[in-house]
Amino acid sequence: MDVLQQEEHKRLLAYIRDSLTCRTKTYHYVLPTQLLAKCVNPELDSRSLQAAYGGPGAFDARTLAHSVIVPFDRTNDRVLGGSPEPYVNNPVRVPAVTPEYRTQQKAKKDWDKLVYVLETVENTQDETFTRLVFDQVLIEIYRLLSDVSVVYPTPSRIRLEQTRNLIRDFIGETSGGDRLETVCTALFRTIGRRFRLFDEVRRAKVNAPNGTSGMLADIECWRDERIVLLVEVKDRELTLIQIDTKLEHARAQRITEILFIAQAGIREETGEAIEKRIASEFTSGQNVYITDFFEFAEGILILLGEEGRVELLDEIGRELDRVQSDIHHRRRWAELLKGI
């Protein structure tokens, strides 16, 4: 049951809900963090993000966010989005949640909603009211938890064209590379099982530097306890520097097959240099391939047959759950499957 039910609180209630579900994942952590601080110490200014904000009640909210709210999020199915360090991200690298810093935000309307909620709390300066607002945030998070588990209604059969359109719709929306990596990983896992080409397909955490993940590329395909294929997935234009970096790592590990899934193609001004680089690498024993997802997958989707395509769709859902992708991506995949 809502604790903010009065007519005058309808706007406040709507903005709380919007702030916890907006497209900017960092914003999901702001109200739980700032209001928790205010509940524990009413003397604090809930709008303050950094002690540098100055004035009475200024404090550094990052420690609280990362030591309390992030672990809470992690143990509750990453209901807020699964960010390990939300307060180091650009949207909240400003002194306070106030109109003054609106120009530094991409999602300005969502920023306005955060400002409204926190300024309402500060203008009221009532401990009971602060607690009611915080309780309402917890209620909304509880409601979101009921939707964290997503059921993927995979069809029992699907045509080639339907599969192609389904995947195109899914990866065509912005996701920071997560959706494209998910689909590619699922495809290589399906290839590995169906054609017995790979014993294991490993995927690095999206947006994590490969070095820190212990992996040489976004996707590693293993057979007989060694890497037989590296797959680097790019949703932006591929550059020569990216190729050079990957080739150096591959050569050091004596890996000869490297595939780049470059969904946005090659950066035009480096195209000729990239072609020369690939040619020179071939003479030294490394095979480099550059393609986009559909150019690579078209023939494979035919060879997989209807049963294999259904298996691929199942695998995409499993991979979304395995890496606990943002709930927005998981729901979208379920929604697209329902439309078949």
Protein backbone atom coordinates (compact mmCIF):
# COMPACT_ATOMS: atom_id res chain seq x y z
CA MET A 1 0.00 0.00 0.00
CA ASP A 2 1.23 3.50 -0.83
CA VAL A 3 2.08 5.76 2.08
CA LEU A 4 1.83 8.88 -0.08
CA GLN A 5 -1.83 8.86 -1.03
CA GLN A 6 -3.02 12.41 -0.49
CA GLU A 7 -4.02 14.45 -3.52
CA GLU A 8 -1.13 16.86 -3.06
CA HIS A 9 1.36 13.99 -3.20
CA LYS A 10 0.31 12.54 -6.57
CA ARG A 11 3.10 14.33 -8.40
CA LEU A 12 5.64 13.28 -5.80
CA LEU A 13 4.54 9.65 -6.06
CA ALA A 14 4.74 9.70 -9.86
CA TYR A 15 8.23 11.20 -9.82
CA ILE A 16 9.49 8.58 -7.35
CA ARG A 17 8.27 5.83 -9.66
CA ASP A 18 9.76 7.50 -12.71
CA SER A 19 13.13 8.01 -11.01
CA LEU A 20 13.45 4.31 -10.21
CA THR A 21 12.61 3.17 -13.73
CA CYS A 22 14.09 5.85 -16.02
CA ARG A 23 16.58 5.00 -18.78
CA THR A 24 19.53 6.53 -16.90
CA LYS A 25 20.52 3.66 -14.61
CA THR A 26 22.59 5.90 -12.31
CA TYR A 27 19.46 7.81 -11.32
CA HIS A 28 17.90 4.63 -9.87
CA TYR A 29 20.31 4.84 -6.94
CA VAL A 30 19.84 8.51 -6.08
CA LEU A 31 16.59 8.53 -4.09
CA PRO A 32 17.39 5.40 -1.99
CA THR A 33 20.84 6.79 -1.16
CA GLN A 34 19.96 10.44 -0.50
CA LEU A 35 16.80 9.73 1.49
CA LEU A 36 18.43 7.00 3.58
CA ALA A 37 21.12 9.49 4.59
CA LYS A 38 18.44 12.04 5.54
CA CYS A 39 16.52 9.45 7.58
CA VAL A 40 19.62 8.46 9.54
CA ASN A 41 20.76 12.05 10.08
CA PRO A 42 18.04 14.71 9.62
CA GLU A 43 20.70 17.43 9.72
CA LEU A 44 22.03 16.34 6.34
CA ASP A 45 20.93 18.00 3.11
CA SER A 46 19.47 15.19 0.97
CA ARG A 47 20.36 17.09 -2.22
CA SER A 48 24.09 16.94 -1.45
CA LEU A 49 26.22 14.53 -3.50
CA GLN A 50 29.61 15.84 -2.43
CA ALA A 51 30.93 17.55 0.66
CA ALA A 52 32.15 20.24 -1.74
CA TYR A 53 28.52 21.31 -2.14
CA GLY A 54 29.19 23.42 0.96
CA GLY A 55 26.79 24.87 3.48
CA PRO A 56 24.93 23.15 6.32
CA GLY A 57 24.26 19.47 5.80
CA ALA A 58 26.64 18.93 2.89
CA PHE A 59 28.10 15.41 2.76
CA ASP A 60 29.68 12.88 0.40
CA ALA A 61 26.97 10.43 -0.63
CA ARG A 62 29.20 8.08 -2.62
CA THR A 63 30.33 6.03 0.38
CA LEU A 64 26.77 5.38 1.46
CA ALA A 65 25.70 4.45 -2.05
CA HIS A 66 28.52 1.99 -2.60
CA SER A 67 28.62 0.45 0.88
CA VAL A 68 24.87 0.14 1.53
CA ILE A 69 22.66 0.63 -1.54
CA VAL A 70 24.85 -1.29 -4.00
CA PRO A 71 25.02 -4.42 -1.77
CA PHE A 72 21.26 -4.12 -1.23
CA ASP A 73 20.78 -3.99 -5.00
CA ARG A 74 23.07 -6.98 -5.52
CA THR A 75 21.24 -9.17 -3.03
CA ASN A 76 17.86 -8.21 -4.48
CA ASP A 77 18.32 -9.40 -8.06
CA ARG A 78 19.91 -6.10 -9.13
CA VAL A 79 16.50 -4.49 -9.11
CA LEU A 80 18.05 -1.02 -9.43
CA GLY A 81 20.17 -2.02 -12.40
CA GLY A 82 23.24 -3.82 -11.09
CA SER A 83 25.72 -0.93 -11.25
CA PRO A 84 28.74 -1.66 -8.99
CA GLU A 85 29.70 2.01 -8.53
CA PRO A 86 26.84 4.26 -9.64
CA TYR A 87 28.15 7.36 -7.91
CA VAL A 88 31.32 7.50 -10.00
CA ASN A 89 29.26 7.87 -13.18
CA ASN A 90 28.99 11.25 -14.92
CA PRO A 91 25.33 12.04 -14.08
CA VAL A 92 26.10 12.37 -10.36
CA ARG A 93 29.64 13.71 -10.58
CA VAL A 94 28.30 17.11 -9.59
CA PRO A 95 28.06 18.67 -6.11
CA ALA A 96 24.29 18.31 -5.66
CA VAL A 97 20.93 17.36 -7.12
CA THR A 98 19.77 20.89 -7.83
CA PRO A 99 18.56 22.87 -10.86
CA GLU A 100 22.00 24.49 -11.06
CA TYR A 101 23.48 21.26 -12.49
CA ARG A 102 20.69 20.50 -14.95
CA THR A 103 22.77 21.59 -17.95
CA GLN A 104 25.31 18.85 -17.18
CA GLN A 105 22.68 16.14 -17.51
CA LYS A 106 21.69 14.33 -20.71
CA ALA A 107 18.32 13.25 -19.26
CA LYS A 108 17.25 16.70 -18.10
CA LYS A 109 13.59 15.89 -17.48
CA ASP A 110 14.52 12.92 -15.32
CA TRP A 111 16.97 15.11 -13.41
CA ASP A 112 14.13 17.58 -12.78
CA LYS A 113 12.12 14.79 -11.15
CA LEU A 114 14.92 13.91 -8.77
CA VAL A 115 15.28 17.59 -7.91
CA TYR A 116 11.56 17.88 -7.22
CA VAL A 117 11.47 14.95 -4.80
CA LEU A 118 14.54 15.99 -2.84
CA GLU A 119 13.63 19.66 -2.72
CA THR A 120 10.18 18.72 -1.44
CA VAL A 121 11.84 16.83 1.40
CA GLU A 122 14.22 19.69 2.17
CA ASN A 123 11.51 22.34 2.05
CA THR A 124 9.31 20.32 4.42
CA GLN A 125 12.09 19.57 6.94
CA ASP A 126 9.95 17.06 8.79
CA GLU A 127 11.46 13.75 9.92
CA THR A 128 8.16 11.91 9.68
CA PHE A 129 7.59 13.14 6.15
CA THR A 130 11.15 12.20 5.13
CA ARG A 131 10.52 8.70 6.43
CA LEU A 132 7.24 8.47 4.52
CA VAL A 133 8.97 9.44 1.28
CA PHE A 134 11.75 6.91 1.90
CA ASP A 135 9.17 4.22 2.70
CA GLN A 136 7.44 5.01 -0.58
CA VAL A 137 10.74 4.49 -2.41
CA LEU A 138 11.07 1.08 -0.74
CA ILE A 139 7.49 0.21 -1.71
CA GLU A 140 8.23 1.03 -5.35
CA ILE A 141 11.42 -1.05 -5.25
CA TYR A 142 9.39 -3.94 -3.81
CA ARG A 143 6.97 -3.63 -6.71
CA LEU A 144 9.83 -3.67 -9.17
CA LEU A 145 11.13 -6.86 -7.59
CA SER A 146 8.01 -8.69 -8.66
CA ASP A 147 8.97 -7.97 -12.28
CA VAL A 148 12.66 -8.86 -12.05
CA SER A 149 11.97 -12.49 -12.94
CA VAL A 150 11.10 -12.51 -16.65
CA VAL A 151 9.47 -15.38 -18.52
CA TYR A 152 10.58 -15.71 -22.14
CA PRO A 153 7.75 -17.16 -24.27
CA THR A 154 9.91 -18.80 -26.94
CA PRO A 155 7.81 -20.15 -29.83
CA SER A 156 7.90 -23.85 -30.66
CA ARG A 157 8.82 -23.03 -34.25
CA ILE A 158 10.11 -20.01 -36.15
CA ARG A 159 10.97 -19.14 -39.74
CA LEU A 160 14.32 -17.75 -40.85
CA GLU A 161 12.84 -14.34 -41.67
CA GLN A 162 11.09 -14.13 -38.30
CA THR A 163 14.32 -14.94 -36.50
CA ARG A 164 16.21 -12.31 -38.44
CA ASN A 165 13.58 -9.62 -37.79
CA LEU A 166 13.30 -10.52 -34.12
CA ILE A 167 17.03 -10.17 -33.54
CA ARG A 168 17.23 -7.00 -35.65
CA ASP A 169 14.52 -5.35 -33.54
CA PHE A 170 16.27 -6.40 -30.34
CA ILE A 171 19.81 -5.26 -31.11
CA GLY A 172 18.63 -2.20 -33.00
CA GLU A 173 17.90 -0.37 -29.75
CA THR A 174 20.66 1.28 -27.72
CA SER A 175 22.04 -0.95 -24.95
CA GLY A 176 25.71 -0.06 -24.56
CA GLY A 177 26.62 -3.22 -26.45
CA ASP A 178 24.88 -5.59 -24.02
CA ARG A 179 22.20 -6.85 -26.40
CA LEU A 180 24.59 -7.44 -29.29
CA GLU A 181 27.04 -9.31 -27.06
CA THR A 182 24.20 -11.39 -25.64
CA VAL A 183 22.95 -12.44 -29.07
CA CYS A 184 26.48 -13.19 -30.33
CA THR A 185 27.29 -15.27 -27.26
CA ALA A 186 24.04 -17.20 -27.62
CA LEU A 187 24.76 -17.83 -31.29
CA PHE A 188 28.25 -19.20 -30.65
CA ARG A 189 26.97 -21.40 -27.82
CA THR A 190 24.31 -22.78 -30.14
CA ILE A 191 26.90 -23.33 -32.87
CA GLY A 192 29.14 -25.11 -30.37
CA ARG A 193 26.42 -27.53 -29.32
CA ARG A 194 24.80 -28.12 -32.70
CA PHE A 195 27.95 -28.49 -34.79
CA ARG A 196 30.26 -29.66 -31.96
CA LEU A 197 32.80 -26.97 -32.78
CA PHE A 198 33.38 -25.67 -29.25
CA ASP A 199 33.45 -27.27 -25.81
CA GLU A 200 32.79 -23.95 -24.09
CA VAL A 201 31.96 -20.37 -24.99
CA ARG A 202 32.92 -17.72 -22.44
CA ARG A 203 31.79 -14.14 -22.31
CA ALA A 204 33.35 -11.19 -20.53
CA LYS A 205 31.19 -8.80 -18.56
CA VAL A 206 29.92 -6.12 -20.91
CA ASN A 207 31.86 -2.82 -20.69
CA ALA A 208 34.54 -4.45 -18.51
CA PRO A 209 38.08 -4.12 -19.92
CA ASN A 210 39.15 -7.56 -21.12
CA GLY A 211 42.34 -7.33 -19.09
CA THR A 212 40.46 -6.94 -15.82
CA SER A 213 38.12 -9.82 -16.67
CA GLY A 214 41.02 -12.15 -17.42
CA MET A 215 39.77 -12.64 -20.98
CA LEU A 216 41.40 -11.82 -24.30
CA ALA A 217 38.20 -10.72 -26.05
CA ASP A 218 34.50 -10.21 -25.47
CA ILE A 219 33.88 -13.86 -26.35
CA GLU A 220 36.27 -16.81 -26.23
CA CYS A 221 35.47 -20.11 -27.96
CA TRP A 222 37.29 -23.08 -26.41
CA ARG A 223 37.97 -26.60 -27.64
CA ASP A 224 40.24 -29.22 -26.08
CA GLU A 225 41.17 -26.79 -23.29
CA ARG A 226 42.45 -24.06 -25.60
CA ILE A 227 41.03 -20.98 -27.28
CA VAL A 228 40.34 -21.66 -30.95
CA LEU A 229 38.50 -18.43 -31.77
CA LEU A 230 38.40 -14.93 -30.31
CA VAL A 231 35.32 -12.83 -31.00
CA GLU A 232 35.32 -9.08 -30.41
CA VAL A 233 31.88 -7.45 -30.55
CA LYS A 234 31.55 -3.77 -31.47
CA ASP A 235 28.33 -1.80 -31.79
CA ARG A 236 30.33 1.24 -32.90
CA GLU A 237 32.72 1.74 -35.80
CA LEU A 238 35.80 -0.49 -35.67
CA THR A 239 39.17 1.29 -35.58
CA LEU A 240 42.70 0.23 -36.43
CA ILE A 241 43.81 0.77 -32.84
CA GLN A 242 41.20 -1.70 -31.60
CA ILE A 243 42.37 -4.28 -34.12
CA ASP A 244 46.05 -3.77 -33.28
CA THR A 245 45.42 -4.16 -29.55
CA LYS A 246 43.51 -7.40 -30.03
CA LEU A 247 46.08 -8.83 -32.45
CA GLU A 248 48.91 -8.24 -30.00
CA HIS A 249 47.09 -10.16 -27.27
CA ALA A 250 46.13 -12.96 -29.64
CA ARG A 251 49.67 -13.36 -30.99
CA ALA A 252 51.09 -13.51 -27.47
CA GLN A 253 48.77 -16.46 -26.75
CA ARG A 254 49.32 -18.09 -30.17
CA ILE A 255 45.67 -17.69 -31.16
CA THR A 256 45.32 -17.59 -34.93
CA GLU A 257 41.58 -16.99 -35.49
CA ILE A 258 40.11 -13.58 -34.59
CA LEU A 259 36.63 -12.45 -35.59
CA PHE A 260 35.35 -8.88 -35.27
CA ILE A 261 31.56 -8.44 -35.26
CA ALA A 262 31.53 -4.78 -36.26
CA GLN A 263 27.86 -3.85 -36.40
CA ALA A 264 28.54 -0.23 -37.41
CA GLY A 265 31.27 -1.18 -39.89
CA ILE A 266 34.82 0.13 -40.19
CA ARG A 267 35.76 3.74 -39.56
CA GLU A 268 36.01 5.11 -43.09
CA GLU A 269 39.31 6.95 -42.78
CA THR A 270 41.08 3.80 -41.51
CA GLY A 271 39.55 1.30 -43.95
CA GLU A 272 42.56 1.01 -46.24
CA ALA A 273 44.99 0.73 -43.34
CA ILE A 274 42.88 -2.01 -41.78
CA GLU A 275 42.85 -4.00 -45.03
CA LYS A 276 46.66 -3.79 -45.23
CA ARG A 277 46.96 -4.82 -41.59
CA ILE A 278 44.78 -7.88 -42.13
CA ALA A 279 46.81 -8.88 -45.20
CA SER A 280 50.11 -8.55 -43.33
CA GLU A 281 48.78 -10.58 -40.39
CA PHE A 282 47.81 -13.42 -42.71
CA THR A 283 51.44 -13.82 -43.83
CA SER A 284 52.49 -14.07 -40.18
CA GLY A 285 49.92 -16.75 -39.39
CA GLN A 286 46.87 -14.90 -38.08
CA ASN A 287 43.46 -14.93 -39.72
CA VAL A 288 41.39 -11.80 -39.09
CA TYR A 289 37.75 -11.57 -40.11
CA ILE A 290 35.50 -8.50 -40.01
CA THR A 291 31.76 -8.73 -40.52
CA ASP A 292 28.46 -7.56 -39.08
CA PHE A 293 26.13 -9.87 -37.18
CA PHE A 294 23.64 -10.59 -39.95
CA GLU A 295 26.26 -11.11 -42.65
CA PHE A 296 27.90 -13.67 -40.37
CA ALA A 297 24.72 -15.27 -39.04
CA GLU A 298 22.58 -15.60 -42.19
CA GLY A 299 23.98 -18.89 -43.41
CA ILE A 300 24.28 -20.27 -39.91
CA LEU A 301 20.61 -19.60 -39.18
CA ILE A 302 19.77 -21.63 -42.29
CA LEU A 303 22.04 -24.51 -41.26
CA LEU A 304 20.65 -24.52 -37.73
CA GLY A 305 17.22 -25.26 -39.10
CA GLU A 306 13.98 -24.52 -37.32
CA GLU A 307 14.86 -26.53 -34.23
CA GLY A 308 18.25 -24.86 -33.94
CA ARG A 309 16.75 -21.39 -34.35
CA VAL A 310 14.33 -22.08 -31.49
CA GLU A 311 17.30 -23.23 -29.41
CA LEU A 312 19.08 -19.95 -30.21
CA LEU A 313 16.12 -17.90 -28.99
CA ASP A 314 16.09 -19.91 -25.75
CA GLU A 315 19.81 -19.36 -25.35
CA ILE A 316 19.44 -15.58 -25.71
CA GLY A 317 17.02 -15.55 -22.77
CA ARG A 318 19.33 -17.74 -20.69
CA GLU A 319 22.28 -15.46 -21.42
CA LEU A 320 20.31 -12.33 -20.47
CA ASP A 321 19.51 -13.97 -17.13
CA ARG A 322 23.00 -15.42 -16.64
CA VAL A 323 24.74 -12.04 -16.77
CA GLN A 324 21.73 -10.35 -15.15
CA SER A 325 21.31 -7.84 -17.92
CA ASP A 326 19.34 -4.70 -17.21
CA ILE A 327 15.68 -5.53 -16.59
CA HIS A 328 14.75 -3.25 -19.49
CA HIS A 329 16.66 -5.49 -21.93
CA ARG A 330 15.18 -8.69 -20.50
CA ARG A 331 11.64 -7.37 -20.63
CA ARG A 332 12.14 -6.17 -24.19
CA TRP A 333 13.29 -9.62 -25.32
CA ALA A 334 10.23 -11.19 -23.66
CA GLU A 335 7.99 -8.60 -25.28
CA LEU A 336 9.42 -9.28 -28.74
CA LEU A 337 8.97 -13.04 -28.28
CA LYS A 338 5.36 -12.52 -27.31
CA GLY A 339 4.79 -10.71 -30.58
CA ILE A 340 5.69 -13.69 -32.75
